[in-house]
Amino acid sequence: MNEDVDDLIRDFVAAGGRAGDWRPSYSIAPTDPAPIVREWQPEGADAPTREVTLATWDWPQPAGQPRRGPIINARLEKLDQRFWVGAFSNARCIVPMLGYYEWTGEKGAKQPHFIHGDGLLAAAGVSWASKDADGQWSRVFAVVTREARDASGEVHDRMPAFLEPDTWSTWLNPQSITTADRAESAAKRQAMLDLLDRTSTAVAATMHTRLVDRRVNSVRAIDPQDATLIDPLTT
């Protein structure tokens, strides 16, 4: 298990997975697998189990609607609405990352920016067990986004919603925040939304951006394990 794997397991106090599953990737595209951190309650257990597991960055399309592009983001403003409320209430997760890319410029000449913090970041996510066309079950996830409050504000109007360490356990808690009492459910969901707004605003203030090489514009032509993809662009 290399240093990156050790950091992932240690930072999120998670168990599970093989060392080979956690090879660092510096270019993850929609529909790719990526590690997420989740908690679930084993039957008969006194406490939930926290694990790092691979999941696909893509969400099932709404029933009865034609397949368009992959659904990869869940807007914070819509988490309490019909499409997302089940996962938001019952299956929240963390998506560990060093940072993310955004682009400026015209099509064909887009300039990538790498937006990052001072270490490993914990993006808020939602997860679900999804059945594919062949009837096989797999885990999927989407990243929660919000209006940009960080260095991406000048690059893009949205950003992932990040969590501070002291909020990880609250966000990951597998106990449903939707109950039989409608008013109680609404209050619990609003409290979670307020927590996410507060903690993501705080993390956003620590973010930085730098220009990186345009190699990252071509997902198929690069080695995603190449750490130099996020090196600052030199002139």
Protein backbone atom coordinates (compact mmCIF):
# COMPACT_ATOMS: atom_id res chain seq x y z
CA MET A 1 0.00 0.00 0.00
CA ASN A 2 1.63 3.25 -1.10
CA GLU A 3 1.63 6.62 0.64
CA ASP A 4 -1.42 7.83 -1.26
CA VAL A 5 -3.40 4.78 -0.17
CA ASP A 6 -2.28 5.15 3.44
CA ASP A 7 -3.33 8.81 3.43
CA LEU A 8 -6.76 7.99 2.03
CA ILE A 9 -7.46 5.25 4.54
CA ARG A 10 -5.99 7.13 7.50
CA ASP A 11 -7.52 10.53 6.78
CA PHE A 12 -11.03 9.16 6.50
CA VAL A 13 -10.64 6.40 9.12
CA ALA A 14 -11.99 3.86 6.66
CA ALA A 15 -11.54 0.15 6.12
CA GLY A 16 -11.84 -2.04 3.09
CA GLY A 17 -10.57 -2.18 -0.45
CA ARG A 18 -7.40 -3.50 -2.00
CA ALA A 19 -4.29 -1.39 -2.36
CA GLY A 20 -4.55 -1.68 -6.14
CA ASP A 21 -7.98 -0.04 -6.05
CA TRP A 22 -6.61 3.22 -4.71
CA ARG A 23 -3.97 4.11 -7.31
CA PRO A 24 -4.03 7.91 -7.53
CA SER A 25 -5.65 9.36 -10.65
CA TYR A 26 -5.07 12.94 -11.79
CA SER A 27 -7.75 12.89 -14.48
CA ILE A 28 -11.13 11.33 -13.67
CA ALA A 29 -13.82 11.75 -16.31
CA PRO A 30 -17.58 11.25 -16.03
CA THR A 31 -18.55 7.53 -15.99
CA ASP A 32 -15.08 6.61 -14.61
CA PRO A 33 -14.78 4.69 -11.33
CA ALA A 34 -13.43 6.66 -8.38
CA PRO A 35 -13.02 6.01 -4.64
CA ILE A 36 -15.70 7.29 -2.30
CA VAL A 37 -16.06 7.10 1.48
CA ARG A 38 -19.41 5.89 2.82
CA GLU A 39 -20.98 4.50 5.98
CA TRP A 40 -23.54 1.75 6.23
CA GLN A 41 -25.18 -0.07 9.11
CA PRO A 42 -24.54 -3.86 9.09
CA GLU A 43 -27.49 -5.87 10.33
CA GLY A 44 -27.15 -6.50 14.06
CA ALA A 45 -24.13 -4.20 14.44
CA ASP A 46 -24.01 -1.56 17.17
CA ALA A 47 -22.20 1.00 15.02
CA PRO A 48 -21.98 1.81 11.32
CA THR A 49 -19.07 0.65 9.17
CA ARG A 50 -17.06 3.25 7.29
CA GLU A 51 -15.40 2.10 4.09
CA VAL A 52 -13.58 3.33 1.01
CA THR A 53 -15.06 1.76 -2.11
CA LEU A 54 -15.00 2.28 -5.86
CA ALA A 55 -18.10 3.79 -7.42
CA THR A 56 -19.00 5.04 -10.89
CA TRP A 57 -19.25 8.78 -11.42
CA ASP A 58 -22.64 8.71 -13.10
CA TRP A 59 -26.22 8.74 -11.81
CA PRO A 60 -29.25 6.86 -13.19
CA GLN A 61 -31.37 8.91 -15.55
CA PRO A 62 -34.88 9.89 -14.42
CA ALA A 63 -37.43 7.20 -15.23
CA GLY A 64 -39.15 7.64 -18.57
CA GLN A 65 -36.67 10.17 -19.89
CA PRO A 66 -34.22 9.59 -22.78
CA ARG A 67 -30.56 9.05 -21.97
CA ARG A 68 -28.61 12.26 -22.38
CA GLY A 69 -25.20 13.05 -20.93
CA PRO A 70 -24.11 11.47 -17.64
CA ILE A 71 -25.54 13.00 -14.47
CA ILE A 72 -22.44 13.76 -12.38
CA ASN A 73 -23.44 16.65 -10.12
CA ALA A 74 -26.22 17.24 -7.60
CA ARG A 75 -26.92 20.90 -7.00
CA LEU A 76 -26.99 21.80 -3.30
CA GLU A 77 -30.05 23.94 -3.95
CA LYS A 78 -31.97 20.87 -5.19
CA LEU A 79 -30.88 18.21 -2.70
CA ASP A 80 -34.17 18.50 -0.80
CA GLN A 81 -36.25 18.13 -3.95
CA ARG A 82 -37.85 14.99 -5.35
CA PHE A 83 -35.08 13.67 -7.62
CA TRP A 84 -32.28 13.81 -5.02
CA VAL A 85 -34.09 13.65 -1.69
CA GLY A 86 -33.81 9.87 -1.25
CA ALA A 87 -30.04 9.79 -1.64
CA PHE A 88 -29.61 13.02 0.30
CA SER A 89 -31.63 11.60 3.19
CA ASN A 90 -30.10 8.13 3.27
CA ALA A 91 -26.90 7.72 1.26
CA ARG A 92 -24.49 10.61 1.58
CA CYS A 93 -20.81 10.03 0.85
CA ILE A 94 -17.47 11.81 0.62
CA VAL A 95 -15.45 12.05 -2.58
CA PRO A 96 -11.75 12.53 -1.68
CA MET A 97 -9.79 14.69 -4.10
CA LEU A 98 -6.70 16.86 -4.33
CA GLY A 99 -8.61 19.35 -6.46
CA TYR A 100 -10.54 19.67 -9.70
CA TYR A 101 -10.25 21.20 -13.15
CA GLU A 102 -12.18 24.04 -14.74
CA TRP A 103 -11.62 25.66 -18.13
CA THR A 104 -11.62 29.10 -19.73
CA GLY A 105 -11.36 30.10 -23.38
CA GLU A 106 -13.02 29.13 -26.63
CA LYS A 107 -13.70 25.62 -27.90
CA GLY A 108 -10.53 24.16 -29.36
CA ALA A 109 -8.28 26.42 -27.30
CA LYS A 110 -9.54 25.90 -23.77
CA GLN A 111 -7.12 26.58 -20.92
CA PRO A 112 -7.40 24.23 -17.91
CA HIS A 113 -7.13 25.52 -14.37
CA PHE A 114 -6.41 23.23 -11.41
CA ILE A 115 -8.32 24.40 -8.31
CA HIS A 116 -7.08 22.95 -5.05
CA GLY A 117 -6.61 23.35 -1.31
CA ASP A 118 -3.59 22.75 0.89
CA GLY A 119 -4.08 18.98 1.08
CA LEU A 120 -6.64 16.24 0.56
CA LEU A 121 -10.16 17.64 0.14
CA ALA A 122 -13.46 16.02 1.10
CA ALA A 123 -16.17 16.81 -1.44
CA ALA A 124 -19.74 16.12 -0.38
CA GLY A 125 -21.46 13.51 -2.50
CA VAL A 126 -24.46 11.24 -2.70
CA SER A 127 -24.30 7.55 -3.56
CA TRP A 128 -26.69 4.81 -4.61
CA ALA A 129 -26.77 1.14 -5.61
CA SER A 130 -27.88 1.06 -9.23
CA LYS A 131 -28.90 -1.83 -11.51
CA ASP A 132 -27.61 -1.67 -15.09
CA ALA A 133 -29.29 -2.89 -18.29
CA ASP A 134 -27.93 -6.40 -17.67
CA GLY A 135 -29.41 -6.53 -14.18
CA GLN A 136 -26.05 -6.16 -12.44
CA TRP A 137 -25.83 -4.01 -9.31
CA SER A 138 -23.11 -1.42 -8.91
CA ARG A 139 -22.49 1.67 -6.81
CA VAL A 140 -22.73 5.12 -8.36
CA PHE A 141 -22.16 8.63 -7.03
CA ALA A 142 -22.62 12.30 -7.83
CA VAL A 143 -20.73 15.28 -6.43
CA VAL A 144 -22.71 17.98 -4.65
CA THR A 145 -22.06 21.42 -6.18
CA ARG A 146 -22.86 24.96 -5.17
CA GLU A 147 -22.28 28.49 -6.45
CA ALA A 148 -18.55 29.18 -6.56
CA ARG A 149 -17.09 30.84 -3.49
CA ASP A 150 -13.45 29.89 -4.14
CA ALA A 151 -10.74 30.51 -6.68
CA SER A 152 -12.99 29.05 -9.39
CA GLY A 153 -15.36 31.98 -9.07
CA GLU A 154 -13.46 33.74 -11.83
CA VAL A 155 -13.22 30.52 -13.84
CA HIS A 156 -16.61 28.86 -13.36
CA ASP A 157 -19.79 29.75 -11.50
CA ARG A 158 -20.08 26.37 -9.73
CA MET A 159 -17.78 24.40 -7.43
CA PRO A 160 -17.91 21.18 -5.40
CA ALA A 161 -19.27 21.60 -1.88
CA PHE A 162 -16.44 20.62 0.46
CA LEU A 163 -16.62 19.39 4.06
CA GLU A 164 -14.42 20.27 7.02
CA PRO A 165 -13.09 17.28 9.03
CA ASP A 166 -15.35 17.90 12.01
CA THR A 167 -18.42 17.53 9.78
CA TRP A 168 -17.44 14.26 8.08
CA SER A 169 -19.19 12.02 10.62
CA THR A 170 -22.41 14.04 10.51
CA TRP A 171 -22.49 13.97 6.71
CA LEU A 172 -21.70 10.25 6.49
CA ASN A 173 -24.12 9.10 9.21
CA PRO A 174 -26.30 6.45 7.48
CA GLN A 175 -29.31 7.07 9.73
CA SER A 176 -32.04 8.59 7.57
CA ILE A 177 -32.83 12.26 8.04
CA THR A 178 -36.30 11.68 6.61
CA THR A 179 -38.79 10.27 9.11
CA ALA A 180 -42.51 9.62 9.30
CA ASP A 181 -42.95 13.13 10.73
CA ARG A 182 -43.01 15.61 7.84
CA ALA A 183 -42.07 18.64 9.93
CA GLU A 184 -39.23 16.78 11.64
CA SER A 185 -37.93 15.57 8.29
CA ALA A 186 -37.97 19.06 6.82
CA ALA A 187 -36.12 20.42 9.84
CA LYS A 188 -33.45 17.70 9.70
CA ARG A 189 -32.87 18.16 6.00
CA GLN A 190 -32.64 21.92 6.36
CA ALA A 191 -30.13 21.54 9.19
CA MET A 192 -27.97 19.32 6.94
CA LEU A 193 -28.20 21.84 4.11
CA ASP A 194 -27.21 24.64 6.48
CA LEU A 195 -24.25 22.60 7.70
CA LEU A 196 -23.09 21.94 4.13
CA ASP A 197 -23.47 25.59 3.16
CA ARG A 198 -21.46 26.69 6.20
CA THR A 199 -18.64 24.19 5.93
CA SER A 200 -18.28 24.49 2.15
CA THR A 201 -18.07 28.27 2.44
CA ALA A 202 -15.29 27.91 5.01
CA VAL A 203 -13.29 25.48 2.87
CA ALA A 204 -13.78 27.66 -0.22
CA ALA A 205 -11.83 30.45 1.46
CA THR A 206 -8.73 28.22 1.50
CA MET A 207 -8.78 27.31 -2.21
CA HIS A 208 -6.21 28.31 -4.83
CA THR A 209 -6.01 28.02 -8.61
CA ARG A 210 -3.19 27.56 -11.10
CA LEU A 211 -2.88 27.08 -14.83
CA VAL A 212 -1.89 23.57 -15.93
CA ASP A 213 -0.89 22.02 -19.24
CA ARG A 214 -3.54 21.58 -21.92
CA ARG A 215 -2.73 17.88 -22.04
CA VAL A 216 -5.59 17.34 -19.59
CA ASN A 217 -8.01 18.47 -22.30
CA SER A 218 -7.63 15.08 -24.01
CA VAL A 219 -8.74 12.40 -21.56
CA ARG A 220 -8.02 9.52 -23.95
CA ALA A 221 -4.48 10.65 -24.80
CA ILE A 222 -3.05 10.99 -21.29
CA ASP A 223 -1.96 8.67 -18.51
CA PRO A 224 -4.35 9.45 -15.62
CA GLN A 225 -1.69 8.30 -13.13
CA ASP A 226 0.74 10.99 -14.37
CA ALA A 227 1.16 13.33 -11.40
CA THR A 228 2.68 16.05 -13.62
CA LEU A 229 -0.80 16.76 -15.02
CA ILE A 230 -1.43 19.06 -12.07
CA ASP A 231 2.00 20.74 -12.14
CA PRO A 232 1.87 24.55 -12.58
CA LEU A 233 2.13 25.67 -16.18
CA THR A 234 5.53 27.15 -16.93
CA THR A 235 6.13 29.78 -19.58
